[in-house]
Amino acid sequence: MANDIQRVIERALTKLRSEKSRIDRQVSALETALAAVRNTGSDNAVAPRPRRKMSAEARRALAMRMKAYWAKRRAGAKAQTKKGSKG
């Protein structure tokens, strides 16, 4: 009886090891394919341009423009809500 159980377990291990080998080969093939896809870019691909640096003066000017923009938007939104509530 113990010999029967041992044989069943050994067969199960053999099957699992062969399945593991098959899965390992598939994983390896997929990793290779993925690496190939990652390394191939389109022929027309252009390297991204480096990011431009902004001076402190330009940042201040942009900040002032954006503050004015949002103040105008807020004022417009308040006017819209006042028009909507009266109508």
C-alpha atoms as a PDB file:
ATOM      1  CA  MET A   1       0.000   0.000   0.000  1.00  0.00           C
ATOM      2  CA  ALA A   2       2.823   2.418   0.860  1.00  0.00           C
ATOM      3  CA  ASN A   3       4.518   1.478  -2.424  1.00  0.00           C
ATOM      4  CA  ASP A   4       1.356   2.378  -4.372  1.00  0.00           C
ATOM      5  CA  ILE A   5       1.178   5.800  -2.738  1.00  0.00           C
ATOM      6  CA  GLN A   6       4.873   6.340  -3.394  1.00  0.00           C
ATOM      7  CA  ARG A   7       4.445   5.488  -7.109  1.00  0.00           C
ATOM      8  CA  VAL A   8       1.457   7.831  -7.432  1.00  0.00           C
ATOM      9  CA  ILE A   9       3.383  10.656  -5.802  1.00  0.00           C
ATOM     10  CA  GLU A  10       6.450  10.009  -7.990  1.00  0.00           C
ATOM     11  CA  ARG A  11       4.310  10.045 -11.159  1.00  0.00           C
ATOM     12  CA  ALA A  12       2.648  13.259 -10.054  1.00  0.00           C
ATOM     13  CA  LEU A  13       6.046  14.833  -9.405  1.00  0.00           C
ATOM     14  CA  THR A  14       7.326  13.712 -12.801  1.00  0.00           C
ATOM     15  CA  LYS A  15       4.310  15.239 -14.550  1.00  0.00           C
ATOM     16  CA  LEU A  16       4.608  18.463 -12.590  1.00  0.00           C
ATOM     17  CA  ARG A  17       8.340  18.755 -13.340  1.00  0.00           C
ATOM     18  CA  SER A  18       7.739  18.283 -17.065  1.00  0.00           C
ATOM     19  CA  GLU A  19       4.930  20.848 -16.961  1.00  0.00           C
ATOM     20  CA  LYS A  20       7.200  23.236 -15.051  1.00  0.00           C
ATOM     21  CA  SER A  21       9.885  22.828 -17.721  1.00  0.00           C
ATOM     22  CA  ARG A  22       7.343  23.535 -20.450  1.00  0.00           C
ATOM     23  CA  ILE A  23       6.089  26.638 -18.627  1.00  0.00           C
ATOM     24  CA  ASP A  24       9.669  27.849 -18.040  1.00  0.00           C
ATOM     25  CA  ARG A  25      10.361  27.534 -21.779  1.00  0.00           C
ATOM     26  CA  GLN A  26       7.199  29.485 -22.588  1.00  0.00           C
ATOM     27  CA  VAL A  27       8.069  32.191 -20.077  1.00  0.00           C
ATOM     28  CA  SER A  28      11.554  32.462 -21.550  1.00  0.00           C
ATOM     29  CA  ALA A  29      10.163  32.733 -25.078  1.00  0.00           C
ATOM     30  CA  LEU A  30       7.705  35.419 -24.018  1.00  0.00           C
ATOM     31  CA  GLU A  31      10.419  37.389 -22.217  1.00  0.00           C
ATOM     32  CA  THR A  32      12.587  37.217 -25.332  1.00  0.00           C
ATOM     33  CA  ALA A  33       9.700  38.400 -27.497  1.00  0.00           C
ATOM     34  CA  LEU A  34       8.928  41.229 -25.093  1.00  0.00           C
ATOM     35  CA  ALA A  35      12.561  42.349 -25.068  1.00  0.00           C
ATOM     36  CA  ALA A  36      12.567  42.344 -28.864  1.00  0.00           C
ATOM     37  CA  VAL A  37       9.405  44.442 -28.976  1.00  0.00           C
ATOM     38  CA  ARG A  38      10.802  46.914 -26.460  1.00  0.00           C
ATOM     39  CA  ASN A  39      14.033  47.320 -28.427  1.00  0.00           C
ATOM     40  CA  THR A  40      12.385  47.903 -31.775  1.00  0.00           C
ATOM     41  CA  GLY A  41      11.058  51.370 -32.269  1.00  0.00           C
ATOM     42  CA  SER A  42       9.582  52.850 -35.374  1.00  0.00           C
ATOM     43  CA  ASP A  43      12.129  54.028 -37.895  1.00  0.00           C
ATOM     44  CA  ASN A  44      10.668  57.515 -37.760  1.00  0.00           C
ATOM     45  CA  ALA A  45      10.976  57.757 -34.017  1.00  0.00           C
ATOM     46  CA  VAL A  46      12.609  60.947 -32.839  1.00  0.00           C
ATOM     47  CA  ALA A  47      14.366  61.284 -29.540  1.00  0.00           C
ATOM     48  CA  PRO A  48      12.394  63.518 -27.190  1.00  0.00           C
ATOM     49  CA  ARG A  49      13.623  67.063 -27.030  1.00  0.00           C
ATOM     50  CA  PRO A  50      15.225  68.105 -23.778  1.00  0.00           C
ATOM     51  CA  ARG A  51      12.999  70.120 -21.529  1.00  0.00           C
ATOM     52  CA  ARG A  52      13.518  73.843 -21.763  1.00  0.00           C
ATOM     53  CA  LYS A  53      14.632  75.678 -18.686  1.00  0.00           C
ATOM     54  CA  MET A  54      12.562  78.633 -17.590  1.00  0.00           C
ATOM     55  CA  SER A  55      14.161  81.638 -15.969  1.00  0.00           C
ATOM     56  CA  ALA A  56      12.888  83.018 -12.695  1.00  0.00           C
ATOM     57  CA  GLU A  57      11.620  86.102 -14.515  1.00  0.00           C
ATOM     58  CA  ALA A  58       9.693  83.976 -16.997  1.00  0.00           C
ATOM     59  CA  ARG A  59       8.184  81.926 -14.151  1.00  0.00           C
ATOM     60  CA  ARG A  60       7.054  85.120 -12.407  1.00  0.00           C
ATOM     61  CA  ALA A  61       5.495  86.446 -15.616  1.00  0.00           C
ATOM     62  CA  LEU A  62       3.706  83.147 -16.192  1.00  0.00           C
ATOM     63  CA  ALA A  63       2.464  83.098 -12.602  1.00  0.00           C
ATOM     64  CA  MET A  64       1.053  86.600 -12.979  1.00  0.00           C
ATOM     65  CA  ARG A  65      -0.687  85.697 -16.248  1.00  0.00           C
ATOM     66  CA  MET A  66      -2.210  82.587 -14.715  1.00  0.00           C
ATOM     67  CA  LYS A  67      -3.397  84.454 -11.620  1.00  0.00           C
ATOM     68  CA  ALA A  68      -5.101  86.993 -13.871  1.00  0.00           C
ATOM     69  CA  TYR A  69      -6.591  84.207 -15.981  1.00  0.00           C
ATOM     70  CA  TRP A  70      -8.073  82.403 -12.986  1.00  0.00           C
ATOM     71  CA  ALA A  71      -9.329  85.631 -11.405  1.00  0.00           C
ATOM     72  CA  LYS A  72     -11.142  86.409 -14.659  1.00  0.00           C
ATOM     73  CA  ARG A  73     -12.589  82.881 -14.751  1.00  0.00           C
ATOM     74  CA  ARG A  74     -13.790  83.120 -11.159  1.00  0.00           C
ATOM     75  CA  ALA A  75     -15.390  86.505 -11.847  1.00  0.00           C
ATOM     76  CA  GLY A  76     -17.118  85.070 -14.919  1.00  0.00           C
ATOM     77  CA  ALA A  77     -18.361  82.080 -12.950  1.00  0.00           C
ATOM     78  CA  LYS A  78     -19.810  84.342 -10.232  1.00  0.00           C
ATOM     79  CA  ALA A  79     -21.562  86.419 -12.894  1.00  0.00           C
ATOM     80  CA  GLN A  80     -22.996  83.275 -14.465  1.00  0.00           C
ATOM     81  CA  THR A  81     -24.383  82.025 -11.140  1.00  0.00           C
ATOM     82  CA  LYS A  82     -25.943  85.434 -10.427  1.00  0.00           C
ATOM     83  CA  LYS A  83     -27.600  85.492 -13.877  1.00  0.00           C
ATOM     84  CA  GLY A  84     -28.872  81.934 -13.422  1.00  0.00           C
ATOM     85  CA  SER A  85     -30.373  82.567  -9.989  1.00  0.00           C
ATOM     86  CA  LYS A  86     -32.316  85.673 -11.090  1.00  0.00           C
ATOM     87  CA  GLY A  87     -33.849  83.995 -14.151  1.00  0.00           C
END
